[in-house]
């Protein structure tokens, strides 16, 4: 959430320009929700790769059989996406309510 809030504050001028030329509030919200979702999905993929790799390495080193079920992978990936949407909504909502005049004067 903090990363998206920083992204909104750094791109205030861009948001102001988009609103001034006719972007709807939903267009602004969708831009930041997609950005948050993309970041969380990339993090989810990295986490899944790290988890499966660690499981394989520990299985080979210790000799214990490990099983990583596809359901747990899909659940982790889905939860990652949910977190991205959930924590990306507030900064997206805040960005969509910016006054274009104030946003263009920002900095």
C-alpha atoms as a PDB file:
ATOM      1  CA  UNK A   1       0.000   0.000   0.000  1.00  0.00           C
ATOM      2  CA  UNK A   2       2.815   2.356   0.841  1.00  0.00           C
ATOM      3  CA  UNK A   3       4.454   1.800  -2.541  1.00  0.00           C
ATOM      4  CA  UNK A   4       1.253   2.760  -4.354  1.00  0.00           C
ATOM      5  CA  UNK A   5       0.754   5.822  -2.116  1.00  0.00           C
ATOM      6  CA  UNK A   6       4.273   6.962  -2.990  1.00  0.00           C
ATOM      7  CA  UNK A   7       3.563   6.276  -6.657  1.00  0.00           C
ATOM      8  CA  UNK A   8       0.421   8.438  -6.484  1.00  0.00           C
ATOM      9  CA  UNK A   9       2.253  11.290  -4.766  1.00  0.00           C
ATOM     10  CA  UNK A  10       5.115  11.173  -7.272  1.00  0.00           C
ATOM     11  CA  UNK A  11       2.730  11.194 -10.227  1.00  0.00           C
ATOM     12  CA  UNK A  12       0.337  13.868  -9.004  1.00  0.00           C
ATOM     13  CA  UNK A  13       1.090  16.098 -11.960  1.00  0.00           C
ATOM     14  CA  UNK A  14       0.456  13.251 -14.423  1.00  0.00           C
ATOM     15  CA  UNK A  15      -2.859  12.494 -12.710  1.00  0.00           C
ATOM     16  CA  UNK A  16      -3.817  16.163 -12.944  1.00  0.00           C
ATOM     17  CA  UNK A  17      -3.055  16.231 -16.656  1.00  0.00           C
ATOM     18  CA  UNK A  18      -5.076  13.058 -17.271  1.00  0.00           C
ATOM     19  CA  UNK A  19      -8.056  14.438 -15.355  1.00  0.00           C
ATOM     20  CA  UNK A  20      -7.778  17.805 -17.123  1.00  0.00           C
ATOM     21  CA  UNK A  21      -7.931  16.214 -20.570  1.00  0.00           C
ATOM     22  CA  UNK A  22     -10.977  14.138 -19.681  1.00  0.00           C
ATOM     23  CA  UNK A  23     -10.017  10.977 -17.825  1.00  0.00           C
ATOM     24  CA  UNK A  24     -12.845   9.689 -15.670  1.00  0.00           C
ATOM     25  CA  UNK A  25     -12.341   8.876 -11.989  1.00  0.00           C
ATOM     26  CA  UNK A  26     -12.676   5.170 -12.776  1.00  0.00           C
ATOM     27  CA  UNK A  27      -9.832   5.441 -15.337  1.00  0.00           C
ATOM     28  CA  UNK A  28      -7.505   6.828 -12.669  1.00  0.00           C
ATOM     29  CA  UNK A  29      -8.604   4.216 -10.123  1.00  0.00           C
ATOM     30  CA  UNK A  30      -8.155   1.398 -12.612  1.00  0.00           C
ATOM     31  CA  UNK A  31      -4.627   2.580 -13.475  1.00  0.00           C
ATOM     32  CA  UNK A  32      -3.444   2.319  -9.881  1.00  0.00           C
ATOM     33  CA  UNK A  33      -5.390  -0.840  -9.056  1.00  0.00           C
ATOM     34  CA  UNK A  34      -3.779  -2.565 -12.055  1.00  0.00           C
ATOM     35  CA  UNK A  35      -0.372  -1.299 -10.925  1.00  0.00           C
ATOM     36  CA  UNK A  36      -0.918  -2.638  -7.400  1.00  0.00           C
ATOM     37  CA  UNK A  37      -2.225  -5.937  -8.761  1.00  0.00           C
ATOM     38  CA  UNK A  38       0.787  -6.297 -11.062  1.00  0.00           C
ATOM     39  CA  UNK A  39       3.243  -5.640  -8.237  1.00  0.00           C
ATOM     40  CA  UNK A  40       1.541  -8.113  -5.920  1.00  0.00           C
ATOM     41  CA  UNK A  41       1.325 -10.790  -8.622  1.00  0.00           C
ATOM     42  CA  UNK A  42       5.029 -10.431  -9.389  1.00  0.00           C
ATOM     43  CA  UNK A  43       5.707 -10.755  -5.661  1.00  0.00           C
ATOM     44  CA  UNK A  44       3.421 -13.793  -5.525  1.00  0.00           C
ATOM     45  CA  UNK A  45       5.252 -15.470  -8.412  1.00  0.00           C
ATOM     46  CA  UNK A  46       8.613 -14.803  -6.772  1.00  0.00           C
ATOM     47  CA  UNK A  47       7.277 -16.198  -3.483  1.00  0.00           C
ATOM     48  CA  UNK A  48       5.921 -19.331  -5.140  1.00  0.00           C
ATOM     49  CA  UNK A  49       9.188 -19.937  -6.959  1.00  0.00           C
ATOM     50  CA  UNK A  50      11.151 -19.416  -3.725  1.00  0.00           C
ATOM     51  CA  UNK A  51       8.828 -21.717  -1.766  1.00  0.00           C
ATOM     52  CA  UNK A  52       8.884 -24.538  -4.287  1.00  0.00           C
ATOM     53  CA  UNK A  53      12.665 -24.210  -4.731  1.00  0.00           C
ATOM     54  CA  UNK A  54      13.234 -24.292  -0.980  1.00  0.00           C
ATOM     55  CA  UNK A  55      10.976 -27.315  -0.684  1.00  0.00           C
ATOM     56  CA  UNK A  56      12.913 -29.178  -3.378  1.00  0.00           C
ATOM     57  CA  UNK A  57      16.308 -28.256  -1.882  1.00  0.00           C
ATOM     58  CA  UNK A  58      15.289 -29.284   1.639  1.00  0.00           C
ATOM     59  CA  UNK A  59      13.823 -32.509   0.303  1.00  0.00           C
ATOM     60  CA  UNK A  60      17.086 -33.355  -1.459  1.00  0.00           C
ATOM     61  CA  UNK A  61      19.284 -32.398   1.504  1.00  0.00           C
ATOM     62  CA  UNK A  62      17.280 -34.127   4.222  1.00  0.00           C
ATOM     63  CA  UNK A  63      15.907 -37.043   2.257  1.00  0.00           C
ATOM     64  CA  UNK A  64      12.339 -36.279   3.347  1.00  0.00           C
ATOM     65  CA  UNK A  65       9.753 -36.411   0.614  1.00  0.00           C
ATOM     66  CA  UNK A  66       7.902 -33.141   0.157  1.00  0.00           C
ATOM     67  CA  UNK A  67       4.793 -32.478  -1.861  1.00  0.00           C
ATOM     68  CA  UNK A  68       3.702 -29.058  -3.035  1.00  0.00           C
ATOM     69  CA  UNK A  69       0.093 -29.262  -4.101  1.00  0.00           C
ATOM     70  CA  UNK A  70      -1.195 -27.177  -6.999  1.00  0.00           C
ATOM     71  CA  UNK A  71      -4.095 -26.078  -4.811  1.00  0.00           C
ATOM     72  CA  UNK A  72      -1.713 -24.401  -2.374  1.00  0.00           C
ATOM     73  CA  UNK A  73       0.059 -22.665  -5.265  1.00  0.00           C
ATOM     74  CA  UNK A  74      -3.222 -21.360  -6.710  1.00  0.00           C
ATOM     75  CA  UNK A  75      -4.382 -20.313  -3.243  1.00  0.00           C
ATOM     76  CA  UNK A  76      -1.161 -18.381  -2.604  1.00  0.00           C
ATOM     77  CA  UNK A  77      -1.340 -16.736  -6.028  1.00  0.00           C
ATOM     78  CA  UNK A  78      -5.001 -15.798  -5.524  1.00  0.00           C
ATOM     79  CA  UNK A  79      -4.345 -14.401  -2.065  1.00  0.00           C
ATOM     80  CA  UNK A  80      -1.500 -12.332  -3.476  1.00  0.00           C
ATOM     81  CA  UNK A  81      -3.851 -10.870  -6.075  1.00  0.00           C
ATOM     82  CA  UNK A  82      -6.515 -10.157  -3.454  1.00  0.00           C
ATOM     83  CA  UNK A  83      -4.006  -8.307  -1.287  1.00  0.00           C
ATOM     84  CA  UNK A  84      -2.924  -6.225  -4.299  1.00  0.00           C
ATOM     85  CA  UNK A  85      -6.489  -5.193  -5.088  1.00  0.00           C
ATOM     86  CA  UNK A  86      -7.418  -4.619  -1.434  1.00  0.00           C
ATOM     87  CA  UNK A  87      -4.434  -2.441  -0.551  1.00  0.00           C
ATOM     88  CA  UNK A  88      -4.334  -0.718  -3.933  1.00  0.00           C
ATOM     89  CA  UNK A  89      -7.906   0.535  -3.754  1.00  0.00           C
ATOM     90  CA  UNK A  90      -7.407   3.326  -1.185  1.00  0.00           C
ATOM     91  CA  UNK A  91      -4.478   5.026  -2.978  1.00  0.00           C
ATOM     92  CA  UNK A  92      -6.347   4.645  -6.282  1.00  0.00           C
ATOM     93  CA  UNK A  93      -9.465   6.176  -4.756  1.00  0.00           C
ATOM     94  CA  UNK A  94      -7.432   9.033  -3.303  1.00  0.00           C
ATOM     95  CA  UNK A  95      -5.753   9.691  -6.669  1.00  0.00           C
ATOM     96  CA  UNK A  96      -9.065   9.753  -8.516  1.00  0.00           C
ATOM     97  CA  UNK A  97     -10.428  12.505  -6.264  1.00  0.00           C
ATOM     98  CA  UNK A  98      -7.580  14.960  -6.909  1.00  0.00           C
ATOM     99  CA  UNK A  99      -8.565  18.406  -8.096  1.00  0.00           C
ATOM    100  CA  UNK A 100      -6.892  18.885 -11.514  1.00  0.00           C
ATOM    101  CA  UNK A 101      -5.933  22.500 -10.809  1.00  0.00           C
ATOM    102  CA  UNK A 102      -4.239  21.619  -7.514  1.00  0.00           C
ATOM    103  CA  UNK A 103      -2.586  18.589  -9.090  1.00  0.00           C
ATOM    104  CA  UNK A 104      -1.127  20.671 -11.935  1.00  0.00           C
ATOM    105  CA  UNK A 105       0.242  23.224  -9.450  1.00  0.00           C
ATOM    106  CA  UNK A 106       1.819  20.473  -7.340  1.00  0.00           C
ATOM    107  CA  UNK A 107       5.643  20.488  -6.848  1.00  0.00           C
END
